[in-house]
Amino acid sequence: MSDNVVDIKILDRNYRVMCPAGQETALREAAEQLDTRMAETRASTKLTNMEQIAIMAALNLCHEWIQERATEGKKIAALEDKISLLQATIEKAMGQPKSSANETKSALPPSSSNAE
């Protein structure tokens, strides 16, 4: 696979970016997201310096990503707890018939067929 040059536009500035073949659409979508976030940052902070806008947008994106990762971690932990509970319930349910059968056998008096 070879890299392709993709033209993107962020805050009215054009950039040429090398991109792995097949990833052009993803790069364009990422550039559109970044352009939107940087425009929002510029509007909400009244910053005019492109570097400051980029840093603030990047910090906001990283903060959101960290929060999302923490939320996902909590969801995964909750799912793992549920899976463990389900496994224990299944193991207990599967173990019950065996112990019931053993208890029934030990509770019965020896049969005459054993003596034969």
PDB file of N, CA and C in Angstrom:
ATOM      1  N   MET A   1       0.836  -1.177   0.000  1.00  0.00           N
ATOM      2  CA  MET A   1       0.000   0.000   0.000  1.00  0.00           C
ATOM      3  C   MET A   1       0.883   1.243   0.000  1.00  0.00           C
ATOM      4  N   SER A   2       0.510   2.205  -0.804  1.00  0.00           N
ATOM      5  CA  SER A   2       1.270   3.455  -0.834  1.00  0.00           C
ATOM      6  C   SER A   2       0.438   4.574  -0.234  1.00  0.00           C
ATOM      7  N   ASP A   3       1.129   5.606   0.189  1.00  0.00           N
ATOM      8  CA  ASP A   3       0.441   6.763   0.762  1.00  0.00           C
ATOM      9  C   ASP A   3      -0.054   7.672  -0.348  1.00  0.00           C
ATOM     10  N   ASN A   4      -1.142   8.354  -0.080  1.00  0.00           N
ATOM     11  CA  ASN A   4      -1.711   9.338  -0.999  1.00  0.00           C
ATOM     12  C   ASN A   4      -1.664  10.702  -0.337  1.00  0.00           C
ATOM     13  N   VAL A   5      -1.614  11.727  -1.140  1.00  0.00           N
ATOM     14  CA  VAL A   5      -1.696  13.086  -0.628  1.00  0.00           C
ATOM     15  C   VAL A   5      -3.164  13.494  -0.661  1.00  0.00           C
ATOM     16  N   VAL A   6      -3.661  13.973   0.478  1.00  0.00           N
ATOM     17  CA  VAL A   6      -5.049  14.392   0.592  1.00  0.00           C
ATOM     18  C   VAL A   6      -5.072  15.869   0.963  1.00  0.00           C
ATOM     19  N   ASP A   7      -5.894  16.618   0.281  1.00  0.00           N
ATOM     20  CA  ASP A   7      -6.068  18.037   0.593  1.00  0.00           C
ATOM     21  C   ASP A   7      -7.199  18.191   1.592  1.00  0.00           C
ATOM     22  N   ILE A   8      -6.914  18.870   2.704  1.00  0.00           N
ATOM     23  CA  ILE A   8      -7.937  19.144   3.711  1.00  0.00           C
ATOM     24  C   ILE A   8      -7.936  20.639   4.003  1.00  0.00           C
ATOM     25  N   LYS A   9      -9.023  21.094   4.609  1.00  0.00           N
ATOM     26  CA  LYS A   9      -9.143  22.511   4.944  1.00  0.00           C
ATOM     27  C   LYS A   9      -9.584  22.626   6.401  1.00  0.00           C
ATOM     28  N   ILE A  10      -8.801  23.394   7.169  1.00  0.00           N
ATOM     29  CA  ILE A  10      -9.113  23.612   8.577  1.00  0.00           C
ATOM     30  C   ILE A  10      -9.010  25.105   8.844  1.00  0.00           C
ATOM     31  N   LEU A  11     -10.086  25.668   9.349  1.00  0.00           N
ATOM     32  CA  LEU A  11     -10.182  27.103   9.610  1.00  0.00           C
ATOM     33  C   LEU A  11      -9.699  27.936   8.410  1.00  0.00           C
ATOM     34  N   ASP A  12     -10.254  27.605   7.278  1.00  0.00           N
ATOM     35  CA  ASP A  12      -9.988  28.330   6.028  1.00  0.00           C
ATOM     36  C   ASP A  12      -8.544  28.247   5.559  1.00  0.00           C
ATOM     37  N   ARG A  13      -7.795  27.293   6.079  1.00  0.00           N
ATOM     38  CA  ARG A  13      -6.426  27.084   5.613  1.00  0.00           C
ATOM     39  C   ARG A  13      -6.348  25.697   4.980  1.00  0.00           C
ATOM     40  N   ASN A  14      -5.680  25.617   3.851  1.00  0.00           N
ATOM     41  CA  ASN A  14      -5.524  24.350   3.140  1.00  0.00           C
ATOM     42  C   ASN A  14      -4.254  23.647   3.572  1.00  0.00           C
ATOM     43  N   TYR A  15      -4.357  22.329   3.715  1.00  0.00           N
ATOM     44  CA  TYR A  15      -3.217  21.499   4.090  1.00  0.00           C
ATOM     45  C   TYR A  15      -3.169  20.290   3.166  1.00  0.00           C
ATOM     46  N   ARG A  16      -1.978  19.874   2.834  1.00  0.00           N
ATOM     47  CA  ARG A  16      -1.772  18.639   2.081  1.00  0.00           C
ATOM     48  C   ARG A  16      -1.188  17.637   3.066  1.00  0.00           C
ATOM     49  N   VAL A  17      -1.879  16.513   3.203  1.00  0.00           N
ATOM     50  CA  VAL A  17      -1.503  15.530   4.217  1.00  0.00           C
ATOM     51  C   VAL A  17      -1.288  14.173   3.561  1.00  0.00           C
ATOM     52  N   MET A  18      -0.206  13.501   3.941  1.00  0.00           N
ATOM     53  CA  MET A  18       0.021  12.133   3.474  1.00  0.00           C
ATOM     54  C   MET A  18      -0.928  11.210   4.236  1.00  0.00           C
ATOM     55  N   CYS A  19      -1.501  10.270   3.487  1.00  0.00           N
ATOM     56  CA  CYS A  19      -2.500   9.398   4.080  1.00  0.00           C
ATOM     57  C   CYS A  19      -2.353   7.995   3.490  1.00  0.00           C
ATOM     58  N   PRO A  20      -2.421   6.961   4.338  1.00  0.00           N
ATOM     59  CA  PRO A  20      -2.353   5.596   3.803  1.00  0.00           C
ATOM     60  C   PRO A  20      -3.516   5.341   2.840  1.00  0.00           C
ATOM     61  N   ALA A  21      -3.235   4.577   1.808  1.00  0.00           N
ATOM     62  CA  ALA A  21      -4.270   4.241   0.828  1.00  0.00           C
ATOM     63  C   ALA A  21      -5.456   3.594   1.536  1.00  0.00           C
ATOM     64  N   GLY A  22      -6.633   4.013   1.162  1.00  0.00           N
ATOM     65  CA  GLY A  22      -7.851   3.463   1.754  1.00  0.00           C
ATOM     66  C   GLY A  22      -8.328   4.218   2.978  1.00  0.00           C
ATOM     67  N   GLN A  23      -7.550   5.149   3.476  1.00  0.00           N
ATOM     68  CA  GLN A  23      -7.906   5.891   4.687  1.00  0.00           C
ATOM     69  C   GLN A  23      -8.297   7.337   4.393  1.00  0.00           C
ATOM     70  N   GLU A  24      -8.445   7.664   3.129  1.00  0.00           N
ATOM     71  CA  GLU A  24      -8.731   9.044   2.740  1.00  0.00           C
ATOM     72  C   GLU A  24     -10.054   9.550   3.330  1.00  0.00           C
ATOM     73  N   THR A  25     -11.082   8.737   3.269  1.00  0.00           N
ATOM     74  CA  THR A  25     -12.388   9.151   3.792  1.00  0.00           C
ATOM     75  C   THR A  25     -12.311   9.405   5.292  1.00  0.00           C
ATOM     76  N   ALA A  26     -11.637   8.527   6.002  1.00  0.00           N
ATOM     77  CA  ALA A  26     -11.489   8.696   7.454  1.00  0.00           C
ATOM     78  C   ALA A  26     -10.717   9.974   7.766  1.00  0.00           C
ATOM     79  N   LEU A  27      -9.683  10.254   6.989  1.00  0.00           N
ATOM     80  CA  LEU A  27      -8.907  11.481   7.203  1.00  0.00           C
ATOM     81  C   LEU A  27      -9.772  12.711   6.955  1.00  0.00           C
ATOM     82  N   ARG A  28     -10.544  12.692   5.895  1.00  0.00           N
ATOM     83  CA  ARG A  28     -11.413  13.839   5.595  1.00  0.00           C
ATOM     84  C   ARG A  28     -12.449  14.045   6.697  1.00  0.00           C
ATOM     85  N   GLU A  29     -13.010  12.947   7.209  1.00  0.00           N
ATOM     86  CA  GLU A  29     -13.985  13.060   8.302  1.00  0.00           C
ATOM     87  C   GLU A  29     -13.318  13.627   9.552  1.00  0.00           C
ATOM     88  N   ALA A  30     -12.106  13.170   9.847  1.00  0.00           N
ATOM     89  CA  ALA A  30     -11.372  13.684  11.013  1.00  0.00           C
ATOM     90  C   ALA A  30     -11.075  15.165  10.830  1.00  0.00           C
ATOM     91  N   ALA A  31     -10.697  15.555   9.629  1.00  0.00           N
ATOM     92  CA  ALA A  31     -10.398  16.966   9.348  1.00  0.00           C
ATOM     93  C   ALA A  31     -11.660  17.817   9.506  1.00  0.00           C
ATOM     94  N   GLU A  32     -12.797  17.300   9.058  1.00  0.00           N
ATOM     95  CA  GLU A  32     -14.057  18.037   9.215  1.00  0.00           C
ATOM     96  C   GLU A  32     -14.405  18.204  10.693  1.00  0.00           C
ATOM     97  N   GLN A  33     -14.211  17.139  11.464  1.00  0.00           N
ATOM     98  CA  GLN A  33     -14.460  17.216  12.912  1.00  0.00           C
ATOM     99  C   GLN A  33     -13.537  18.236  13.563  1.00  0.00           C
ATOM    100  N   LEU A  34     -12.274  18.177  13.213  1.00  0.00           N
ATOM    101  CA  LEU A  34     -11.306  19.110  13.782  1.00  0.00           C
ATOM    102  C   LEU A  34     -11.634  20.541  13.382  1.00  0.00           C
ATOM    103  N   ASP A  35     -11.999  20.748  12.131  1.00  0.00           N
ATOM    104  CA  ASP A  35     -12.379  22.080  11.667  1.00  0.00           C
ATOM    105  C   ASP A  35     -13.561  22.600  12.476  1.00  0.00           C
ATOM    106  N   THR A  36     -14.558  21.761  12.675  1.00  0.00           N
ATOM    107  CA  THR A  36     -15.737  22.156  13.468  1.00  0.00           C
ATOM    108  C   THR A  36     -15.341  22.503  14.893  1.00  0.00           C
ATOM    109  N   ARG A  37     -14.530  21.645  15.508  1.00  0.00           N
ATOM    110  CA  ARG A  37     -14.133  21.876  16.902  1.00  0.00           C
ATOM    111  C   ARG A  37     -13.275  23.129  17.037  1.00  0.00           C
ATOM    112  N   MET A  38     -12.393  23.352  16.089  1.00  0.00           N
ATOM    113  CA  MET A  38     -11.556  24.548  16.164  1.00  0.00           C
ATOM    114  C   MET A  38     -12.382  25.806  15.930  1.00  0.00           C
ATOM    115  N   ALA A  39     -13.370  25.746  15.048  1.00  0.00           N
ATOM    116  CA  ALA A  39     -14.246  26.895  14.827  1.00  0.00           C
ATOM    117  C   ALA A  39     -15.053  27.183  16.092  1.00  0.00           C
ATOM    118  N   GLU A  40     -15.542  26.137  16.750  1.00  0.00           N
ATOM    119  CA  GLU A  40     -16.270  26.309  18.008  1.00  0.00           C
ATOM    120  C   GLU A  40     -15.363  26.907  19.073  1.00  0.00           C
ATOM    121  N   THR A  41     -14.135  26.413  19.161  1.00  0.00           N
ATOM    122  CA  THR A  41     -13.178  26.924  20.145  1.00  0.00           C
ATOM    123  C   THR A  41     -12.876  28.394  19.877  1.00  0.00           C
ATOM    124  N   ARG A  42     -12.659  28.732  18.617  1.00  0.00           N
ATOM    125  CA  ARG A  42     -12.383  30.133  18.260  1.00  0.00           C
ATOM    126  C   ARG A  42     -13.559  31.022  18.654  1.00  0.00           C
ATOM    127  N   ALA A  43     -14.777  30.569  18.386  1.00  0.00           N
ATOM    128  CA  ALA A  43     -15.961  31.373  18.688  1.00  0.00           C
ATOM    129  C   ALA A  43     -16.185  31.510  20.197  1.00  0.00           C
ATOM    130  N   SER A  44     -15.958  30.433  20.939  1.00  0.00           N
ATOM    131  CA  SER A  44     -16.254  30.470  22.376  1.00  0.00           C
ATOM    132  C   SER A  44     -15.161  31.143  23.202  1.00  0.00           C
ATOM    133  N   THR A  45     -13.927  31.167  22.695  1.00  0.00           N
ATOM    134  CA  THR A  45     -12.830  31.742  23.468  1.00  0.00           C
ATOM    135  C   THR A  45     -12.373  33.097  22.950  1.00  0.00           C
ATOM    136  N   LYS A  46     -12.788  33.434  21.765  1.00  0.00           N
ATOM    137  CA  LYS A  46     -12.379  34.688  21.122  1.00  0.00           C
ATOM    138  C   LYS A  46     -10.884  34.719  20.819  1.00  0.00           C
ATOM    139  N   LEU A  47     -10.253  33.540  20.800  1.00  0.00           N
ATOM    140  CA  LEU A  47      -8.844  33.473  20.424  1.00  0.00           C
ATOM    141  C   LEU A  47      -8.717  33.707  18.922  1.00  0.00           C
ATOM    142  N   THR A  48      -7.599  34.277  18.517  1.00  0.00           N
ATOM    143  CA  THR A  48      -7.373  34.506  17.091  1.00  0.00           C
ATOM    144  C   THR A  48      -6.116  33.804  16.592  1.00  0.00           C
ATOM    145  N   ASN A  49      -5.210  33.476  17.491  1.00  0.00           N
ATOM    146  CA  ASN A  49      -3.976  32.807  17.119  1.00  0.00           C
ATOM    147  C   ASN A  49      -4.276  31.335  16.800  1.00  0.00           C
ATOM    148  N   MET A  50      -3.936  30.907  15.583  1.00  0.00           N
ATOM    149  CA  MET A  50      -4.238  29.555  15.119  1.00  0.00           C
ATOM    150  C   MET A  50      -3.648  28.488  16.042  1.00  0.00           C
ATOM    151  N   GLU A  51      -2.429  28.707  16.511  1.00  0.00           N
ATOM    152  CA  GLU A  51      -1.791  27.730  17.391  1.00  0.00           C
ATOM    153  C   GLU A  51      -2.547  27.603  18.710  1.00  0.00           C
ATOM    154  N   GLN A  52      -2.953  28.722  19.294  1.00  0.00           N
ATOM    155  CA  GLN A  52      -3.713  28.682  20.552  1.00  0.00           C
ATOM    156  C   GLN A  52      -5.058  27.990  20.357  1.00  0.00           C
ATOM    157  N   ILE A  53      -5.713  28.277  19.256  1.00  0.00           N
ATOM    158  CA  ILE A  53      -7.000  27.626  18.960  1.00  0.00           C
ATOM    159  C   ILE A  53      -6.800  26.115  18.838  1.00  0.00           C
ATOM    160  N   ALA A  54      -5.739  25.711  18.124  1.00  0.00           N
ATOM    161  CA  ALA A  54      -5.461  24.280  17.938  1.00  0.00           C
ATOM    162  C   ALA A  54      -5.172  23.604  19.275  1.00  0.00           C
ATOM    163  N   ILE A  55      -4.386  24.273  20.131  1.00  0.00           N
ATOM    164  CA  ILE A  55      -4.051  23.700  21.439  1.00  0.00           C
ATOM    165  C   ILE A  55      -5.304  23.558  22.298  1.00  0.00           C
ATOM    166  N   MET A  56      -6.139  24.579  22.332  1.00  0.00           N
ATOM    167  CA  MET A  56      -7.366  24.516  23.135  1.00  0.00           C
ATOM    168  C   MET A  56      -8.310  23.421  22.615  1.00  0.00           C
ATOM    169  N   ALA A  57      -8.447  23.332  21.300  1.00  0.00           N
ATOM    170  CA  ALA A  57      -9.304  22.291  20.719  1.00  0.00           C
ATOM    171  C   ALA A  57      -8.743  20.906  21.045  1.00  0.00           C
ATOM    172  N   ALA A  58      -7.426  20.762  20.928  1.00  0.00           N
ATOM    173  CA  ALA A  58      -6.794  19.472  21.233  1.00  0.00           C
ATOM    174  C   ALA A  58      -6.979  19.107  22.707  1.00  0.00           C
ATOM    175  N   LEU A  59      -6.820  20.080  23.595  1.00  0.00           N
ATOM    176  CA  LEU A  59      -7.030  19.815  25.023  1.00  0.00           C
ATOM    177  C   LEU A  59      -8.463  19.387  25.304  1.00  0.00           C
ATOM    178  N   ASN A  60      -9.423  20.073  24.688  1.00  0.00           N
ATOM    179  CA  ASN A  60     -10.830  19.700  24.872  1.00  0.00           C
ATOM    180  C   ASN A  60     -11.118  18.298  24.346  1.00  0.00           C
ATOM    181  N   LEU A  61     -10.575  17.989  23.175  1.00  0.00           N
ATOM    182  CA  LEU A  61     -10.778  16.657  22.602  1.00  0.00           C
ATOM    183  C   LEU A  61     -10.151  15.579  23.478  1.00  0.00           C
ATOM    184  N   CYS A  62      -8.943  15.837  23.972  1.00  0.00           N
ATOM    185  CA  CYS A  62      -8.273  14.871  24.852  1.00  0.00           C
ATOM    186  C   CYS A  62      -9.034  14.680  26.154  1.00  0.00           C
ATOM    187  N   HIS A  63      -9.530  15.771  26.705  1.00  0.00           N
ATOM    188  CA  HIS A  63     -10.315  15.686  27.940  1.00  0.00           C
ATOM    189  C   HIS A  63     -11.562  14.831  27.711  1.00  0.00           C
ATOM    190  N   GLU A  64     -12.269  15.067  26.631  1.00  0.00           N
ATOM    191  CA  GLU A  64     -13.459  14.270  26.312  1.00  0.00           C
ATOM    192  C   GLU A  64     -13.098  12.807  26.099  1.00  0.00           C
ATOM    193  N   TRP A  65     -11.984  12.567  25.422  1.00  0.00           N
ATOM    194  CA  TRP A  65     -11.544  11.195  25.174  1.00  0.00           C
ATOM    195  C   TRP A  65     -11.231  10.478  26.486  1.00  0.00           C
ATOM    196  N   ILE A  66     -10.555  11.163  27.402  1.00  0.00           N
ATOM    197  CA  ILE A  66     -10.224  10.569  28.700  1.00  0.00           C
ATOM    198  C   ILE A  66     -11.497  10.243  29.482  1.00  0.00           C
ATOM    199  N   GLN A  67     -12.458  11.165  29.469  1.00  0.00           N
ATOM    200  CA  GLN A  67     -13.725  10.913  30.153  1.00  0.00           C
ATOM    201  C   GLN A  67     -14.451   9.726  29.537  1.00  0.00           C
ATOM    202  N   GLU A  68     -14.458   9.661  28.216  1.00  0.00           N
ATOM    203  CA  GLU A  68     -15.117   8.548  27.521  1.00  0.00           C
ATOM    204  C   GLU A  68     -14.434   7.229  27.849  1.00  0.00           C
ATOM    205  N   ARG A  69     -13.123   7.243  27.884  1.00  0.00           N
ATOM    206  CA  ARG A  69     -12.373   6.032  28.221  1.00  0.00           C
ATOM    207  C   ARG A  69     -12.689   5.574  29.645  1.00  0.00           C
ATOM    208  N   ALA A  70     -12.801   6.519  30.576  1.00  0.00           N
ATOM    209  CA  ALA A  70     -13.144   6.169  31.962  1.00  0.00           C
ATOM    210  C   ALA A  70     -14.557   5.597  32.031  1.00  0.00           C
ATOM    211  N   THR A  71     -15.475   6.203  31.299  1.00  0.00           N
ATOM    212  CA  THR A  71     -16.853   5.709  31.267  1.00  0.00           C
ATOM    213  C   THR A  71     -16.899   4.303  30.693  1.00  0.00           C
ATOM    214  N   GLU A  72     -16.174   4.084  29.608  1.00  0.00           N
ATOM    215  CA  GLU A  72     -16.120   2.759  28.999  1.00  0.00           C
ATOM    216  C   GLU A  72     -15.507   1.746  29.955  1.00  0.00           C
ATOM    217  N   GLY A  73     -14.490   2.154  30.698  1.00  0.00           N
ATOM    218  CA  GLY A  73     -13.866   1.268  31.678  1.00  0.00           C
ATOM    219  C   GLY A  73     -14.859   0.840  32.750  1.00  0.00           C
ATOM    220  N   LYS A  74     -15.677   1.786  33.203  1.00  0.00           N
ATOM    221  CA  LYS A  74     -16.695   1.460  34.206  1.00  0.00           C
ATOM    222  C   LYS A  74     -17.741   0.514  33.621  1.00  0.00           C
ATOM    223  N   LYS A  75     -18.119   0.748  32.374  1.00  0.00           N
ATOM    224  CA  LYS A  75     -19.095  -0.134  31.720  1.00  0.00           C
ATOM    225  C   LYS A  75     -18.529  -1.538  31.575  1.00  0.00           C
ATOM    226  N   ILE A  76     -17.264  -1.625  31.192  1.00  0.00           N
ATOM    227  CA  ILE A  76     -16.627  -2.937  31.033  1.00  0.00           C
ATOM    228  C   ILE A  76     -16.559  -3.658  32.374  1.00  0.00           C
ATOM    229  N   ALA A  77     -16.203  -2.944  33.428  1.00  0.00           N
ATOM    230  CA  ALA A  77     -16.133  -3.557  34.761  1.00  0.00           C
ATOM    231  C   ALA A  77     -17.512  -4.059  35.194  1.00  0.00           C
ATOM    232  N   ALA A  78     -18.554  -3.270  34.931  1.00  0.00           N
ATOM    233  CA  ALA A  78     -19.911  -3.697  35.289  1.00  0.00           C
ATOM    234  C   ALA A  78     -20.316  -4.931  34.497  1.00  0.00           C
ATOM    235  N   LEU A  79     -19.971  -4.957  33.221  1.00  0.00           N
ATOM    236  CA  LEU A  79     -20.287  -6.135  32.397  1.00  0.00           C
ATOM    237  C   LEU A  79     -19.514  -7.361  32.864  1.00  0.00           C
ATOM    238  N   GLU A  80     -18.247  -7.171  33.245  1.00  0.00           N
ATOM    239  CA  GLU A  80     -17.458  -8.296  33.751  1.00  0.00           C
ATOM    240  C   GLU A  80     -18.060  -8.837  35.044  1.00  0.00           C
ATOM    241  N   ASP A  81     -18.560  -7.947  35.899  1.00  0.00           N
ATOM    242  CA  ASP A  81     -19.222  -8.382  37.132  1.00  0.00           C
ATOM    243  C   ASP A  81     -20.474  -9.192  36.812  1.00  0.00           C
ATOM    244  N   LYS A  82     -21.254  -8.718  35.851  1.00  0.00           N
ATOM    245  CA  LYS A  82     -22.463  -9.438  35.455  1.00  0.00           C
ATOM    246  C   LYS A  82     -22.132 -10.796  34.857  1.00  0.00           C
ATOM    247  N   ILE A  83     -21.084 -10.848  34.049  1.00  0.00           N
ATOM    248  CA  ILE A  83     -20.667 -12.120  33.462  1.00  0.00           C
ATOM    249  C   ILE A  83     -20.235 -13.091  34.551  1.00  0.00           C
ATOM    250  N   SER A  84     -19.478 -12.595  35.528  1.00  0.00           N
ATOM    251  CA  SER A  84     -19.041 -13.450  36.636  1.00  0.00           C
ATOM    252  C   SER A  84     -20.240 -13.978  37.414  1.00  0.00           C
ATOM    253  N   LEU A  85     -21.215 -13.117  37.655  1.00  0.00           N
ATOM    254  CA  LEU A  85     -22.424 -13.543  38.363  1.00  0.00           C
ATOM    255  C   LEU A  85     -23.188 -14.585  37.561  1.00  0.00           C
ATOM    256  N   LEU A  86     -23.300 -14.357  36.264  1.00  0.00           N
ATOM    257  CA  LEU A  86     -23.982 -15.333  35.403  1.00  0.00           C
ATOM    258  C   LEU A  86     -23.233 -16.659  35.373  1.00  0.00           C
ATOM    259  N   GLN A  87     -21.911 -16.604  35.298  1.00  0.00           N
ATOM    260  CA  GLN A  87     -21.125 -17.836  35.302  1.00  0.00           C
ATOM    261  C   GLN A  87     -21.318 -18.602  36.608  1.00  0.00           C
ATOM    262  N   ALA A  88     -21.302 -17.879  37.713  1.00  0.00           N
ATOM    263  CA  ALA A  88     -21.498 -18.526  39.009  1.00  0.00           C
ATOM    264  C   ALA A  88     -22.889 -19.139  39.100  1.00  0.00           C
ATOM    265  N   THR A  89     -23.886 -18.418  38.598  1.00  0.00           N
ATOM    266  CA  THR A  89     -25.263 -18.925  38.621  1.00  0.00           C
ATOM    267  C   THR A  89     -25.380 -20.173  37.763  1.00  0.00           C
ATOM    268  N   ILE A  90     -24.766 -20.158  36.587  1.00  0.00           N
ATOM    269  CA  ILE A  90     -24.813 -21.318  35.691  1.00  0.00           C
ATOM    270  C   ILE A  90     -24.094 -22.503  36.317  1.00  0.00           C
ATOM    271  N   GLU A  91     -22.915 -22.249  36.882  1.00  0.00           N
ATOM    272  CA  GLU A  91     -22.158 -23.327  37.513  1.00  0.00           C
ATOM    273  C   GLU A  91     -22.940 -23.926  38.680  1.00  0.00           C
ATOM    274  N   LYS A  92     -23.583 -23.067  39.437  1.00  0.00           N
ATOM    275  CA  LYS A  92     -24.370 -23.551  40.569  1.00  0.00           C
ATOM    276  C   LYS A  92     -25.555 -24.366  40.069  1.00  0.00           C
ATOM    277  N   ALA A  93     -26.230 -23.862  39.029  1.00  0.00           N
ATOM    278  CA  ALA A  93     -27.377 -24.575  38.478  1.00  0.00           C
ATOM    279  C   ALA A  93     -26.955 -25.918  37.885  1.00  0.00           C
ATOM    280  N   MET A  94     -25.821 -25.945  37.235  1.00  0.00           N
ATOM    281  CA  MET A  94     -25.339 -27.197  36.648  1.00  0.00           C
ATOM    282  C   MET A  94     -24.851 -28.156  37.724  1.00  0.00           C
ATOM    283  N   GLY A  95     -24.364 -27.632  38.815  1.00  0.00           N
ATOM    284  CA  GLY A  95     -23.869 -28.467  39.900  1.00  0.00           C
ATOM    285  C   GLY A  95     -24.985 -29.028  40.754  1.00  0.00           C
ATOM    286  N   GLN A  96     -26.138 -28.391  40.811  1.00  0.00           N
ATOM    287  CA  GLN A  96     -27.248 -28.835  41.653  1.00  0.00           C
ATOM    288  C   GLN A  96     -27.760 -30.223  41.280  1.00  0.00           C
ATOM    289  N   PRO A  97     -28.029 -30.503  40.000  1.00  0.00           N
ATOM    290  CA  PRO A  97     -28.550 -31.831  39.686  1.00  0.00           C
ATOM    291  C   PRO A  97     -27.587 -32.935  40.093  1.00  0.00           C
ATOM    292  N   LYS A  98     -26.290 -32.720  39.935  1.00  0.00           N
ATOM    293  CA  LYS A  98     -25.318 -33.735  40.314  1.00  0.00           C
ATOM    294  C   LYS A  98     -25.368 -33.986  41.813  1.00  0.00           C
ATOM    295  N   SER A  99     -25.385 -32.927  42.628  1.00  0.00           N
ATOM    296  CA  SER A  99     -25.421 -33.134  44.062  1.00  0.00           C
ATOM    297  C   SER A  99     -26.762 -33.680  44.503  1.00  0.00           C
ATOM    298  N   SER A 100     -27.838 -33.295  43.818  1.00  0.00           N
ATOM    299  CA  SER A 100     -29.152 -33.848  44.163  1.00  0.00           C
ATOM    300  C   SER A 100     -29.180 -35.336  43.876  1.00  0.00           C
ATOM    301  N   ALA A 101     -28.602 -35.739  42.769  1.00  0.00           N
ATOM    302  CA  ALA A 101     -28.569 -37.153  42.410  1.00  0.00           C
ATOM    303  C   ALA A 101     -27.724 -37.918  43.414  1.00  0.00           C
ATOM    304  N   ASN A 102     -26.604 -37.360  43.818  1.00  0.00           N
ATOM    305  CA  ASN A 102     -25.748 -38.014  44.803  1.00  0.00           C
ATOM    306  C   ASN A 102     -26.440 -38.097  46.151  1.00  0.00           C
ATOM    307  N   GLU A 103     -27.148 -37.026  46.535  1.00  0.00           N
ATOM    308  CA  GLU A 103     -27.864 -37.032  47.809  1.00  0.00           C
ATOM    309  C   GLU A 103     -28.971 -38.074  47.783  1.00  0.00           C
ATOM    310  N   THR A 104     -29.655 -38.198  46.648  1.00  0.00           N
ATOM    311  CA  THR A 104     -30.741 -39.174  46.529  1.00  0.00           C
ATOM    312  C   THR A 104     -30.184 -40.580  46.648  1.00  0.00           C
ATOM    313  N   LYS A 105     -29.061 -40.858  45.993  1.00  0.00           N
ATOM    314  CA  LYS A 105     -28.458 -42.185  46.057  1.00  0.00           C
ATOM    315  C   LYS A 105     -28.037 -42.519  47.473  1.00  0.00           C
ATOM    316  N   SER A 106     -27.432 -41.579  48.164  1.00  0.00           N
ATOM    317  CA  SER A 106     -26.953 -41.875  49.511  1.00  0.00           C
ATOM    318  C   SER A 106     -28.105 -41.985  50.496  1.00  0.00           C
ATOM    319  N   ALA A 107     -29.242 -41.355  50.189  1.00  0.00           N
ATOM    320  CA  ALA A 107     -30.384 -41.415  51.092  1.00  0.00           C
ATOM    321  C   ALA A 107     -31.156 -42.709  50.941  1.00  0.00           C
ATOM    322  N   LEU A 108     -31.028 -43.393  49.820  1.00  0.00           N
ATOM    323  CA  LEU A 108     -31.752 -44.639  49.589  1.00  0.00           C
ATOM    324  C   LEU A 108     -31.048 -45.799  50.280  1.00  0.00           C
ATOM    325  N   PRO A 109     -31.843 -46.724  50.790  1.00  0.00           N
ATOM    326  CA  PRO A 109     -31.200 -47.908  51.384  1.00  0.00           C
ATOM    327  C   PRO A 109     -30.594 -48.768  50.272  1.00  0.00           C
ATOM    328  N   PRO A 110     -29.607 -49.560  50.593  1.00  0.00           N
ATOM    329  CA  PRO A 110     -29.010 -50.415  49.563  1.00  0.00           C
ATOM    330  C   PRO A 110     -30.082 -51.301  48.946  1.00  0.00           C
ATOM    331  N   SER A 111     -30.051 -51.417  47.630  1.00  0.00           N
ATOM    332  CA  SER A 111     -31.074 -52.212  46.946  1.00  0.00           C
ATOM    333  C   SER A 111     -30.649 -53.674  46.912  1.00  0.00           C
ATOM    334  N   SER A 112     -31.607 -54.486  46.667  1.00  0.00           N
ATOM    335  CA  SER A 112     -31.324 -55.930  46.604  1.00  0.00           C
ATOM    336  C   SER A 112     -30.548 -56.262  45.354  1.00  0.00           C
ATOM    337  N   SER A 113     -30.597 -55.386  44.350  1.00  0.00           N
ATOM    338  CA  SER A 113     -29.850 -55.657  43.115  1.00  0.00           C
ATOM    339  C   SER A 113     -28.348 -55.569  43.375  1.00  0.00           C
ATOM    340  N   ASN A 114     -27.939 -54.790  44.364  1.00  0.00           N
ATOM    341  CA  ASN A 114     -26.527 -54.702  44.681  1.00  0.00           C
ATOM    342  C   ASN A 114     -26.025 -56.000  45.301  1.00  0.00           C
ATOM    343  N   ALA A 115     -26.902 -56.687  45.998  1.00  0.00           N
ATOM    344  CA  ALA A 115     -26.515 -57.899  46.688  1.00  0.00           C
ATOM    345  C   ALA A 115     -26.391 -59.058  45.703  1.00  0.00           C
ATOM    346  N   GLU A 116     -27.038 -58.943  44.574  1.00  0.00           N
ATOM    347  CA  GLU A 116     -27.022 -60.077  43.644  1.00  0.00           C
ATOM    348  C   GLU A 116     -25.742 -60.257  43.003  1.00  0.00           C
TER     349      GLU A 116
END
